[in-house]
Amino acid sequence: MQVLFARGTTEPPGLGAVGDVFVDDLKQRVAPKTVGVYPVNYPASPDFPTAVQGVVDASTQIQNTANACPKTSMVLGGYSQGAAVMGFVTSDAIPDGAPADVPQIMSPSIANHVAAVTLLGTPSDRFMGVIKQPTVKIGSLYAPKTVELCVPNDFVCSDGNDIGAHARYIPDGLVDQAADFAASKIADHSANQPQH
């Protein structure tokens, strides 16, 4: 299996703190399965339109993995801006107002290779409106296997105004919840994969 995770705004390249904990938690839950990890390569900068680079990178990696390793189950994850990246990756349509360089929508067959989508602190419609960016809509083929978790009153993903809440995904146990969800979906996905 492979985890593709997009870090949050201003986190250094790699998985980010939330992504690191998520991957470690998931590895414990799915052992002895081998877990490959791909940190989405994008700036994660406060300049939100650069997130399209993450959409391009994640889409390319997902499609390459599905084609090269068709029996590999994938888990897509993201935190904050990274959750928006993964949300856009799963979309059924290119959102209005998206940059011209946003990639085409992935083939519907790609969804069969994705076991779970775990999004932590996904920017709300309100937040995206404030920063004048398209809203995040999870694609219909991915929605049944997606969990979106938001710390109460987090100013990014809820109607609240608690800035500090956006940093509480690890201590408040939401990363553990995401790993539990992904592990259960991986078990379901593995059971339903054709065995050749």
N, C-alpha and C. Protein backbone atom coordinates (compact mmCIF):
# COMPACT_ATOMS: atom_id res chain seq x y z
N MET A 1 0.84 -1.18 0.00
CA MET A 1 0.00 0.00 0.00
C MET A 1 0.87 1.23 0.00
N GLN A 2 0.31 2.34 -0.42
CA GLN A 2 1.05 3.59 -0.47
C GLN A 2 0.20 4.72 0.09
N VAL A 3 0.84 5.56 0.90
CA VAL A 3 0.21 6.76 1.43
C VAL A 3 0.79 7.96 0.68
N LEU A 4 -0.08 8.79 0.16
CA LEU A 4 0.32 10.06 -0.45
C LEU A 4 -0.25 11.16 0.44
N PHE A 5 0.62 11.99 1.01
CA PHE A 5 0.17 12.99 1.98
C PHE A 5 0.70 14.36 1.60
N ALA A 6 -0.18 15.36 1.67
CA ALA A 6 0.18 16.75 1.37
C ALA A 6 0.19 17.55 2.67
N ARG A 7 1.32 18.14 2.97
CA ARG A 7 1.51 18.87 4.23
C ARG A 7 0.76 20.21 4.22
N GLY A 8 0.73 20.83 5.40
CA GLY A 8 0.04 22.11 5.55
C GLY A 8 0.92 23.30 5.22
N THR A 9 0.29 24.45 5.18
CA THR A 9 0.96 25.70 4.83
C THR A 9 2.17 25.97 5.72
N THR A 10 3.26 26.33 5.10
CA THR A 10 4.56 26.69 5.69
C THR A 10 5.30 25.53 6.36
N GLU A 11 4.75 24.31 6.33
CA GLU A 11 5.52 23.19 6.86
C GLU A 11 6.67 22.89 5.90
N PRO A 12 7.83 22.47 6.43
CA PRO A 12 8.97 22.19 5.55
C PRO A 12 8.68 20.99 4.65
N PRO A 13 9.41 20.87 3.53
CA PRO A 13 9.19 19.74 2.61
C PRO A 13 9.22 18.40 3.34
N GLY A 14 8.39 17.50 2.88
CA GLY A 14 8.20 16.20 3.52
C GLY A 14 6.72 16.01 3.80
N LEU A 15 6.43 15.24 4.82
CA LEU A 15 5.03 14.97 5.18
C LEU A 15 4.44 16.04 6.08
N GLY A 16 5.28 16.80 6.78
CA GLY A 16 4.79 17.72 7.79
C GLY A 16 4.54 16.98 9.09
N ALA A 17 4.38 17.71 10.19
CA ALA A 17 4.20 17.09 11.51
C ALA A 17 2.96 16.21 11.56
N VAL A 18 1.84 16.70 11.05
CA VAL A 18 0.60 15.92 11.06
C VAL A 18 0.75 14.68 10.19
N GLY A 19 1.34 14.83 9.02
CA GLY A 19 1.55 13.70 8.11
C GLY A 19 2.46 12.64 8.70
N ASP A 20 3.52 13.07 9.39
CA ASP A 20 4.44 12.11 10.02
C ASP A 20 3.70 11.25 11.04
N VAL A 21 2.91 11.90 11.89
CA VAL A 21 2.17 11.15 12.92
C VAL A 21 1.13 10.25 12.27
N PHE A 22 0.43 10.76 11.26
CA PHE A 22 -0.57 9.94 10.56
C PHE A 22 0.06 8.68 9.98
N VAL A 23 1.18 8.82 9.30
CA VAL A 23 1.82 7.66 8.68
C VAL A 23 2.29 6.68 9.74
N ASP A 24 2.90 7.17 10.82
CA ASP A 24 3.35 6.28 11.90
C ASP A 24 2.17 5.53 12.51
N ASP A 25 1.07 6.25 12.77
CA ASP A 25 -0.13 5.62 13.34
C ASP A 25 -0.69 4.57 12.39
N LEU A 26 -0.73 4.89 11.11
CA LEU A 26 -1.30 3.96 10.13
C LEU A 26 -0.43 2.71 10.01
N LYS A 27 0.88 2.88 9.99
CA LYS A 27 1.79 1.73 9.90
C LYS A 27 1.54 0.75 11.05
N GLN A 28 1.34 1.28 12.26
CA GLN A 28 1.06 0.43 13.41
C GLN A 28 -0.24 -0.34 13.22
N ARG A 29 -1.23 0.30 12.64
CA ARG A 29 -2.55 -0.31 12.50
C ARG A 29 -2.62 -1.35 11.38
N VAL A 30 -1.77 -1.24 10.37
CA VAL A 30 -1.85 -2.17 9.24
C VAL A 30 -0.70 -3.17 9.22
N ALA A 31 0.18 -3.13 10.21
CA ALA A 31 1.30 -4.08 10.25
C ALA A 31 0.74 -5.50 10.16
N PRO A 32 1.40 -6.40 9.43
CA PRO A 32 2.75 -6.30 8.86
C PRO A 32 2.78 -5.81 7.41
N LYS A 33 1.70 -5.21 6.93
CA LYS A 33 1.72 -4.69 5.55
C LYS A 33 2.86 -3.69 5.38
N THR A 34 3.42 -3.68 4.19
CA THR A 34 4.44 -2.68 3.85
C THR A 34 3.73 -1.40 3.41
N VAL A 35 4.19 -0.29 3.95
CA VAL A 35 3.57 1.00 3.64
C VAL A 35 4.60 1.90 2.95
N GLY A 36 4.38 2.17 1.67
CA GLY A 36 5.19 3.15 0.97
C GLY A 36 4.64 4.54 1.25
N VAL A 37 5.50 5.52 1.21
CA VAL A 37 5.08 6.88 1.55
C VAL A 37 5.56 7.85 0.48
N TYR A 38 4.65 8.71 0.04
CA TYR A 38 4.99 9.75 -0.93
C TYR A 38 4.53 11.10 -0.40
N PRO A 39 5.48 11.98 -0.02
CA PRO A 39 5.09 13.33 0.37
C PRO A 39 4.86 14.17 -0.89
N VAL A 40 3.68 14.73 -1.01
CA VAL A 40 3.35 15.53 -2.20
C VAL A 40 4.33 16.71 -2.28
N ASN A 41 4.88 16.90 -3.47
CA ASN A 41 5.89 17.92 -3.70
C ASN A 41 5.22 19.20 -4.19
N TYR A 42 5.13 20.17 -3.29
CA TYR A 42 4.55 21.48 -3.66
C TYR A 42 5.01 22.50 -2.63
N PRO A 43 4.89 23.79 -2.92
CA PRO A 43 5.46 24.80 -2.02
C PRO A 43 4.82 24.87 -0.62
N ALA A 44 3.52 24.58 -0.51
CA ALA A 44 2.80 24.74 0.76
C ALA A 44 3.03 26.15 1.33
N SER A 45 3.00 27.12 0.46
CA SER A 45 3.30 28.49 0.86
C SER A 45 2.00 29.25 1.15
N PRO A 46 2.12 30.40 1.83
CA PRO A 46 0.92 31.21 2.06
C PRO A 46 0.30 31.73 0.75
N ASP A 47 1.03 31.65 -0.35
CA ASP A 47 0.51 32.04 -1.66
C ASP A 47 -0.33 30.87 -2.18
N PHE A 48 -1.60 30.84 -1.77
CA PHE A 48 -2.44 29.66 -1.99
C PHE A 48 -2.53 29.19 -3.44
N PRO A 49 -2.53 30.07 -4.43
CA PRO A 49 -2.61 29.57 -5.81
C PRO A 49 -1.49 28.60 -6.20
N THR A 50 -0.37 28.61 -5.46
CA THR A 50 0.70 27.65 -5.78
C THR A 50 0.30 26.22 -5.40
N ALA A 51 -0.82 26.07 -4.69
CA ALA A 51 -1.30 24.72 -4.35
C ALA A 51 -1.57 23.89 -5.59
N VAL A 52 -1.81 24.54 -6.73
CA VAL A 52 -2.05 23.79 -7.96
C VAL A 52 -0.85 22.90 -8.29
N GLN A 53 0.35 23.31 -7.87
CA GLN A 53 1.52 22.46 -8.08
C GLN A 53 1.38 21.13 -7.34
N GLY A 54 0.76 21.18 -6.16
CA GLY A 54 0.50 19.96 -5.41
C GLY A 54 -0.55 19.10 -6.07
N VAL A 55 -1.56 19.73 -6.66
CA VAL A 55 -2.60 18.98 -7.37
C VAL A 55 -1.97 18.25 -8.56
N VAL A 56 -1.10 18.94 -9.29
CA VAL A 56 -0.42 18.33 -10.43
C VAL A 56 0.44 17.16 -9.97
N ASP A 57 1.25 17.39 -8.93
CA ASP A 57 2.17 16.36 -8.45
C ASP A 57 1.42 15.14 -7.92
N ALA A 58 0.41 15.38 -7.08
CA ALA A 58 -0.35 14.26 -6.50
C ALA A 58 -1.10 13.48 -7.58
N SER A 59 -1.76 14.19 -8.49
CA SER A 59 -2.49 13.51 -9.57
C SER A 59 -1.56 12.63 -10.40
N THR A 60 -0.40 13.16 -10.73
CA THR A 60 0.57 12.40 -11.52
C THR A 60 1.02 11.15 -10.78
N GLN A 61 1.35 11.32 -9.50
CA GLN A 61 1.83 10.18 -8.71
C GLN A 61 0.74 9.12 -8.54
N ILE A 62 -0.49 9.54 -8.29
CA ILE A 62 -1.60 8.60 -8.12
C ILE A 62 -1.82 7.80 -9.40
N GLN A 63 -1.86 8.49 -10.52
CA GLN A 63 -2.08 7.80 -11.80
C GLN A 63 -0.92 6.88 -12.15
N ASN A 64 0.31 7.32 -11.89
CA ASN A 64 1.47 6.47 -12.17
C ASN A 64 1.44 5.21 -11.31
N THR A 65 1.08 5.37 -10.03
CA THR A 65 1.02 4.21 -9.13
C THR A 65 -0.08 3.25 -9.58
N ALA A 66 -1.25 3.78 -9.91
CA ALA A 66 -2.36 2.92 -10.35
C ALA A 66 -2.00 2.14 -11.60
N ASN A 67 -1.27 2.77 -12.52
CA ASN A 67 -0.91 2.10 -13.76
C ASN A 67 0.24 1.12 -13.59
N ALA A 68 1.25 1.49 -12.80
CA ALA A 68 2.43 0.64 -12.64
C ALA A 68 2.21 -0.48 -11.62
N CYS A 69 1.40 -0.21 -10.61
CA CYS A 69 1.19 -1.17 -9.52
C CYS A 69 -0.30 -1.31 -9.25
N PRO A 70 -1.04 -1.93 -10.17
CA PRO A 70 -2.50 -1.92 -10.06
C PRO A 70 -3.07 -2.58 -8.81
N LYS A 71 -2.30 -3.42 -8.14
CA LYS A 71 -2.81 -4.07 -6.92
C LYS A 71 -2.47 -3.29 -5.66
N THR A 72 -1.79 -2.17 -5.81
CA THR A 72 -1.42 -1.35 -4.66
C THR A 72 -2.60 -0.48 -4.24
N SER A 73 -2.99 -0.62 -2.97
CA SER A 73 -4.04 0.25 -2.41
C SER A 73 -3.40 1.56 -1.99
N MET A 74 -4.07 2.65 -2.30
CA MET A 74 -3.54 3.97 -1.93
C MET A 74 -4.43 4.65 -0.89
N VAL A 75 -3.77 5.40 -0.02
CA VAL A 75 -4.45 6.27 0.93
C VAL A 75 -3.99 7.68 0.61
N LEU A 76 -4.95 8.57 0.37
CA LEU A 76 -4.65 9.97 0.11
C LEU A 76 -4.93 10.76 1.38
N GLY A 77 -4.01 11.61 1.76
CA GLY A 77 -4.22 12.40 2.97
C GLY A 77 -3.67 13.79 2.82
N GLY A 78 -4.17 14.68 3.66
CA GLY A 78 -3.66 16.04 3.65
C GLY A 78 -4.12 16.79 4.88
N TYR A 79 -3.33 17.80 5.22
CA TYR A 79 -3.63 18.66 6.35
C TYR A 79 -3.67 20.11 5.88
N SER A 80 -4.73 20.83 6.23
CA SER A 80 -4.86 22.25 5.95
C SER A 80 -4.82 22.50 4.44
N GLN A 81 -3.86 23.28 3.96
CA GLN A 81 -3.75 23.50 2.52
C GLN A 81 -3.57 22.16 1.79
N GLY A 82 -2.87 21.22 2.42
CA GLY A 82 -2.69 19.90 1.83
C GLY A 82 -4.01 19.14 1.70
N ALA A 83 -4.94 19.37 2.63
CA ALA A 83 -6.26 18.75 2.53
C ALA A 83 -7.01 19.32 1.33
N ALA A 84 -6.84 20.62 1.09
CA ALA A 84 -7.45 21.23 -0.10
C ALA A 84 -6.85 20.63 -1.36
N VAL A 85 -5.53 20.44 -1.37
CA VAL A 85 -4.87 19.82 -2.53
C VAL A 85 -5.50 18.47 -2.83
N MET A 86 -5.61 17.62 -1.82
CA MET A 86 -6.16 16.28 -2.05
C MET A 86 -7.64 16.32 -2.38
N GLY A 87 -8.36 17.27 -1.80
CA GLY A 87 -9.76 17.44 -2.17
C GLY A 87 -9.91 17.77 -3.65
N PHE A 88 -9.09 18.70 -4.13
CA PHE A 88 -9.13 19.06 -5.55
C PHE A 88 -8.73 17.88 -6.43
N VAL A 89 -7.78 17.07 -5.96
CA VAL A 89 -7.33 15.89 -6.73
C VAL A 89 -8.50 14.95 -6.99
N THR A 90 -9.40 14.82 -6.01
CA THR A 90 -10.52 13.87 -6.14
C THR A 90 -11.73 14.44 -6.87
N SER A 91 -11.71 15.71 -7.20
CA SER A 91 -12.89 16.39 -7.74
C SER A 91 -13.45 15.74 -9.01
N ASP A 92 -14.77 15.87 -9.14
CA ASP A 92 -15.47 15.41 -10.35
C ASP A 92 -15.32 16.40 -11.50
N ALA A 93 -15.02 17.65 -11.17
CA ALA A 93 -14.94 18.70 -12.20
C ALA A 93 -13.91 19.73 -11.76
N ILE A 94 -13.32 20.39 -12.74
CA ILE A 94 -12.40 21.48 -12.42
C ILE A 94 -13.24 22.63 -11.89
N PRO A 95 -12.90 23.13 -10.68
CA PRO A 95 -13.75 24.17 -10.09
C PRO A 95 -13.67 25.49 -10.83
N ASP A 96 -14.77 26.23 -10.78
CA ASP A 96 -14.78 27.58 -11.35
C ASP A 96 -13.71 28.41 -10.64
N GLY A 97 -12.99 29.19 -11.42
CA GLY A 97 -11.96 30.05 -10.84
C GLY A 97 -10.63 29.36 -10.63
N ALA A 98 -10.51 28.10 -11.07
CA ALA A 98 -9.24 27.39 -10.91
C ALA A 98 -8.22 27.95 -11.89
N PRO A 99 -6.93 27.91 -11.52
CA PRO A 99 -5.90 28.39 -12.44
C PRO A 99 -5.89 27.58 -13.73
N ALA A 100 -5.39 28.19 -14.78
CA ALA A 100 -5.36 27.54 -16.10
C ALA A 100 -4.50 26.28 -16.11
N ASP A 101 -3.50 26.22 -15.21
CA ASP A 101 -2.59 25.07 -15.23
C ASP A 101 -3.04 23.92 -14.34
N VAL A 102 -4.28 23.97 -13.85
CA VAL A 102 -4.79 22.85 -13.06
C VAL A 102 -4.94 21.64 -13.99
N PRO A 103 -4.56 20.44 -13.51
CA PRO A 103 -4.61 19.27 -14.39
C PRO A 103 -6.04 18.82 -14.68
N GLN A 104 -6.17 18.01 -15.71
CA GLN A 104 -7.47 17.42 -16.03
C GLN A 104 -7.90 16.48 -14.90
N ILE A 105 -9.18 16.24 -14.81
CA ILE A 105 -9.73 15.33 -13.82
C ILE A 105 -9.21 13.91 -14.10
N MET A 106 -8.89 13.19 -13.03
CA MET A 106 -8.40 11.82 -13.21
C MET A 106 -9.51 10.92 -13.74
N SER A 107 -9.11 9.87 -14.45
CA SER A 107 -10.06 8.89 -14.95
C SER A 107 -10.85 8.28 -13.79
N PRO A 108 -12.14 8.03 -13.98
CA PRO A 108 -12.93 7.41 -12.91
C PRO A 108 -12.34 6.09 -12.42
N SER A 109 -11.67 5.35 -13.29
CA SER A 109 -11.11 4.05 -12.89
C SER A 109 -10.03 4.19 -11.82
N ILE A 110 -9.41 5.35 -11.72
CA ILE A 110 -8.35 5.56 -10.72
C ILE A 110 -8.93 5.41 -9.31
N ALA A 111 -10.17 5.80 -9.12
CA ALA A 111 -10.79 5.72 -7.79
C ALA A 111 -10.79 4.30 -7.25
N ASN A 112 -10.80 3.30 -8.13
CA ASN A 112 -10.78 1.91 -7.67
C ASN A 112 -9.49 1.55 -6.94
N HIS A 113 -8.44 2.31 -7.15
CA HIS A 113 -7.14 2.03 -6.54
C HIS A 113 -6.96 2.77 -5.21
N VAL A 114 -7.89 3.65 -4.88
CA VAL A 114 -7.80 4.45 -3.66
C VAL A 114 -8.71 3.85 -2.60
N ALA A 115 -8.09 3.43 -1.49
CA ALA A 115 -8.86 2.81 -0.41
C ALA A 115 -9.49 3.85 0.51
N ALA A 116 -8.78 4.95 0.75
CA ALA A 116 -9.27 5.94 1.71
C ALA A 116 -8.70 7.31 1.40
N VAL A 117 -9.46 8.33 1.80
CA VAL A 117 -9.01 9.72 1.71
C VAL A 117 -9.23 10.32 3.09
N THR A 118 -8.16 10.83 3.70
CA THR A 118 -8.25 11.38 5.06
C THR A 118 -7.81 12.84 5.01
N LEU A 119 -8.74 13.73 5.32
CA LEU A 119 -8.48 15.16 5.23
C LEU A 119 -8.66 15.80 6.60
N LEU A 120 -7.62 16.48 7.04
CA LEU A 120 -7.61 17.11 8.36
C LEU A 120 -7.54 18.62 8.20
N GLY A 121 -8.52 19.31 8.75
CA GLY A 121 -8.52 20.76 8.67
C GLY A 121 -8.72 21.29 7.26
N THR A 122 -9.62 20.66 6.50
CA THR A 122 -9.89 21.10 5.13
C THR A 122 -10.44 22.52 5.14
N PRO A 123 -9.85 23.44 4.37
CA PRO A 123 -10.38 24.80 4.34
C PRO A 123 -11.86 24.84 3.95
N SER A 124 -12.66 25.51 4.77
CA SER A 124 -14.11 25.60 4.55
C SER A 124 -14.42 26.51 3.37
N ASP A 125 -15.67 26.44 2.93
CA ASP A 125 -16.12 27.34 1.87
C ASP A 125 -15.92 28.80 2.29
N ARG A 126 -16.21 29.09 3.55
CA ARG A 126 -16.03 30.45 4.06
C ARG A 126 -14.57 30.88 3.95
N PHE A 127 -13.66 30.02 4.42
CA PHE A 127 -12.23 30.34 4.38
C PHE A 127 -11.76 30.55 2.95
N MET A 128 -12.16 29.64 2.06
CA MET A 128 -11.74 29.75 0.66
C MET A 128 -12.30 31.02 0.02
N GLY A 129 -13.51 31.42 0.44
CA GLY A 129 -14.08 32.66 -0.07
C GLY A 129 -13.28 33.88 0.37
N VAL A 130 -12.84 33.86 1.62
CA VAL A 130 -12.05 34.98 2.15
C VAL A 130 -10.74 35.14 1.37
N ILE A 131 -10.11 34.00 1.03
CA ILE A 131 -8.83 34.09 0.30
C ILE A 131 -9.05 34.05 -1.22
N LYS A 132 -10.31 34.12 -1.62
CA LYS A 132 -10.69 34.20 -3.04
C LYS A 132 -10.15 33.02 -3.87
N GLN A 133 -10.41 31.81 -3.35
CA GLN A 133 -10.00 30.59 -4.04
C GLN A 133 -11.23 29.69 -4.23
N PRO A 134 -11.19 28.77 -5.21
CA PRO A 134 -12.32 27.86 -5.42
C PRO A 134 -12.55 26.99 -4.18
N THR A 135 -13.81 26.65 -3.94
CA THR A 135 -14.12 25.79 -2.80
C THR A 135 -13.75 24.34 -3.11
N VAL A 136 -13.51 23.60 -2.04
CA VAL A 136 -13.08 22.20 -2.15
C VAL A 136 -14.32 21.31 -2.16
N LYS A 137 -14.46 20.51 -3.20
CA LYS A 137 -15.57 19.56 -3.32
C LYS A 137 -14.98 18.17 -3.57
N ILE A 138 -15.27 17.24 -2.67
CA ILE A 138 -14.79 15.87 -2.82
C ILE A 138 -15.58 15.21 -3.94
N GLY A 139 -14.88 14.50 -4.82
CA GLY A 139 -15.53 13.83 -5.94
C GLY A 139 -16.45 12.71 -5.48
N SER A 140 -17.49 12.46 -6.25
CA SER A 140 -18.52 11.47 -5.88
C SER A 140 -17.96 10.06 -5.74
N LEU A 141 -16.92 9.70 -6.50
CA LEU A 141 -16.35 8.36 -6.40
C LEU A 141 -15.48 8.20 -5.16
N TYR A 142 -15.06 9.31 -4.59
CA TYR A 142 -14.18 9.28 -3.42
C TYR A 142 -14.93 9.56 -2.12
N ALA A 143 -16.07 10.25 -2.20
CA ALA A 143 -16.79 10.67 -1.00
C ALA A 143 -17.10 9.52 -0.04
N PRO A 144 -17.53 8.33 -0.52
CA PRO A 144 -17.85 7.25 0.42
C PRO A 144 -16.64 6.73 1.19
N LYS A 145 -15.45 7.01 0.71
CA LYS A 145 -14.25 6.53 1.40
C LYS A 145 -13.40 7.69 1.92
N THR A 146 -14.08 8.81 2.19
CA THR A 146 -13.40 10.01 2.68
C THR A 146 -13.88 10.37 4.07
N VAL A 147 -12.92 10.76 4.92
CA VAL A 147 -13.26 11.34 6.21
C VAL A 147 -12.62 12.73 6.25
N GLU A 148 -13.42 13.72 6.66
CA GLU A 148 -12.92 15.08 6.87
C GLU A 148 -13.07 15.38 8.35
N LEU A 149 -11.95 15.66 9.00
CA LEU A 149 -11.95 15.92 10.43
C LEU A 149 -11.56 17.37 10.70
N CYS A 150 -12.27 17.98 11.64
CA CYS A 150 -12.05 19.39 11.95
C CYS A 150 -12.12 19.58 13.46
N VAL A 151 -11.08 20.16 14.05
CA VAL A 151 -11.12 20.49 15.48
C VAL A 151 -12.21 21.55 15.68
N PRO A 152 -13.06 21.39 16.69
CA PRO A 152 -14.12 22.38 16.91
C PRO A 152 -13.58 23.82 16.96
N ASN A 153 -14.28 24.68 16.27
CA ASN A 153 -13.97 26.12 16.21
C ASN A 153 -12.69 26.48 15.46
N ASP A 154 -12.08 25.50 14.78
CA ASP A 154 -10.90 25.79 13.95
C ASP A 154 -11.30 26.82 12.89
N PHE A 155 -10.58 27.92 12.85
CA PHE A 155 -10.95 29.01 11.93
C PHE A 155 -10.77 28.64 10.46
N VAL A 156 -10.00 27.59 10.16
CA VAL A 156 -9.78 27.19 8.77
C VAL A 156 -10.93 26.33 8.26
N CYS A 157 -11.37 25.35 9.06
CA CYS A 157 -12.33 24.36 8.54
C CYS A 157 -13.74 24.49 9.10
N SER A 158 -13.96 25.40 10.02
CA SER A 158 -15.30 25.55 10.60
C SER A 158 -15.71 27.02 10.54
N ASP A 159 -16.86 27.32 11.10
CA ASP A 159 -17.31 28.71 11.18
C ASP A 159 -16.76 29.40 12.43
N GLY A 160 -15.91 28.68 13.18
CA GLY A 160 -15.32 29.25 14.39
C GLY A 160 -14.22 30.23 14.07
N ASN A 161 -13.63 30.77 15.14
CA ASN A 161 -12.56 31.76 14.94
C ASN A 161 -11.35 31.48 15.81
N ASP A 162 -11.16 30.21 16.18
CA ASP A 162 -10.04 29.83 17.05
C ASP A 162 -8.83 29.47 16.19
N ILE A 163 -7.87 30.39 16.14
CA ILE A 163 -6.67 30.17 15.34
C ILE A 163 -5.85 29.02 15.93
N GLY A 164 -5.75 28.96 17.24
CA GLY A 164 -4.97 27.91 17.91
C GLY A 164 -5.51 26.51 17.66
N ALA A 165 -6.81 26.40 17.42
CA ALA A 165 -7.41 25.08 17.19
C ALA A 165 -6.80 24.40 15.98
N HIS A 166 -6.32 25.17 15.03
CA HIS A 166 -5.77 24.58 13.80
C HIS A 166 -4.47 23.82 14.06
N ALA A 167 -3.89 24.02 15.22
CA ALA A 167 -2.65 23.32 15.58
C ALA A 167 -2.90 22.15 16.53
N ARG A 168 -4.16 21.77 16.75
CA ARG A 168 -4.46 20.75 17.75
C ARG A 168 -4.86 19.39 17.18
N TYR A 169 -4.56 19.11 15.93
CA TYR A 169 -4.98 17.84 15.33
C TYR A 169 -4.29 16.65 15.96
N ILE A 170 -3.03 16.79 16.32
CA ILE A 170 -2.31 15.68 16.95
C ILE A 170 -2.75 15.52 18.41
N PRO A 171 -2.64 16.57 19.26
CA PRO A 171 -3.00 16.37 20.67
C PRO A 171 -4.47 16.06 20.91
N ASP A 172 -5.35 16.53 20.04
CA ASP A 172 -6.78 16.27 20.23
C ASP A 172 -7.23 14.91 19.68
N GLY A 173 -6.29 14.14 19.12
CA GLY A 173 -6.60 12.77 18.69
C GLY A 173 -7.23 12.63 17.32
N LEU A 174 -7.33 13.71 16.56
CA LEU A 174 -7.96 13.59 15.25
C LEU A 174 -7.08 12.86 14.24
N VAL A 175 -5.76 12.95 14.42
CA VAL A 175 -4.86 12.19 13.53
C VAL A 175 -5.04 10.70 13.78
N ASP A 176 -5.20 10.32 15.06
CA ASP A 176 -5.47 8.91 15.38
C ASP A 176 -6.79 8.46 14.75
N GLN A 177 -7.81 9.31 14.80
CA GLN A 177 -9.10 8.96 14.18
C GLN A 177 -8.94 8.75 12.68
N ALA A 178 -8.14 9.60 12.05
CA ALA A 178 -7.91 9.47 10.61
C ALA A 178 -7.21 8.15 10.30
N ALA A 179 -6.24 7.77 11.12
CA ALA A 179 -5.53 6.51 10.91
C ALA A 179 -6.46 5.32 11.12
N ASP A 180 -7.33 5.40 12.12
CA ASP A 180 -8.32 4.33 12.34
C ASP A 180 -9.21 4.17 11.12
N PHE A 181 -9.70 5.29 10.60
CA PHE A 181 -10.57 5.27 9.42
C PHE A 181 -9.85 4.65 8.24
N ALA A 182 -8.63 5.11 7.97
CA ALA A 182 -7.87 4.60 6.82
C ALA A 182 -7.60 3.11 6.97
N ALA A 183 -7.24 2.68 8.16
CA ALA A 183 -6.95 1.25 8.37
C ALA A 183 -8.18 0.40 8.10
N SER A 184 -9.35 0.86 8.53
CA SER A 184 -10.57 0.09 8.29
C SER A 184 -10.90 0.04 6.81
N LYS A 185 -10.69 1.14 6.11
CA LYS A 185 -10.95 1.17 4.67
C LYS A 185 -9.95 0.31 3.90
N ILE A 186 -8.71 0.27 4.36
CA ILE A 186 -7.70 -0.57 3.72
C ILE A 186 -8.10 -2.04 3.86
N ALA A 187 -8.57 -2.42 5.03
CA ALA A 187 -9.00 -3.80 5.24
C ALA A 187 -10.15 -4.14 4.29
N ASP A 188 -11.11 -3.24 4.15
CA ASP A 188 -12.24 -3.46 3.22
C ASP A 188 -11.74 -3.54 1.78
N HIS A 189 -10.85 -2.64 1.42
CA HIS A 189 -10.34 -2.56 0.05
C HIS A 189 -9.57 -3.83 -0.30
N SER A 190 -8.73 -4.29 0.63
CA SER A 190 -7.94 -5.50 0.40
C SER A 190 -8.85 -6.71 0.23
N ALA A 191 -9.91 -6.76 1.02
CA ALA A 191 -10.84 -7.90 0.95
C ALA A 191 -11.58 -7.92 -0.38
N ASN A 192 -11.78 -6.74 -0.98
CA ASN A 192 -12.54 -6.66 -2.23
C ASN A 192 -11.67 -6.60 -3.49
N GLN A 193 -10.35 -6.60 -3.31
CA GLN A 193 -9.46 -6.59 -4.47
C GLN A 193 -9.45 -7.96 -5.13
N PRO A 194 -9.49 -8.01 -6.45
CA PRO A 194 -9.39 -9.30 -7.12
C PRO A 194 -8.02 -9.92 -6.88
N GLN A 195 -8.00 -11.18 -6.56
CA GLN A 195 -6.75 -11.89 -6.31
C GLN A 195 -6.39 -12.70 -7.54
N HIS A 196 -5.35 -12.28 -8.24
CA HIS A 196 -4.91 -12.99 -9.44
C HIS A 196 -3.60 -13.67 -9.17
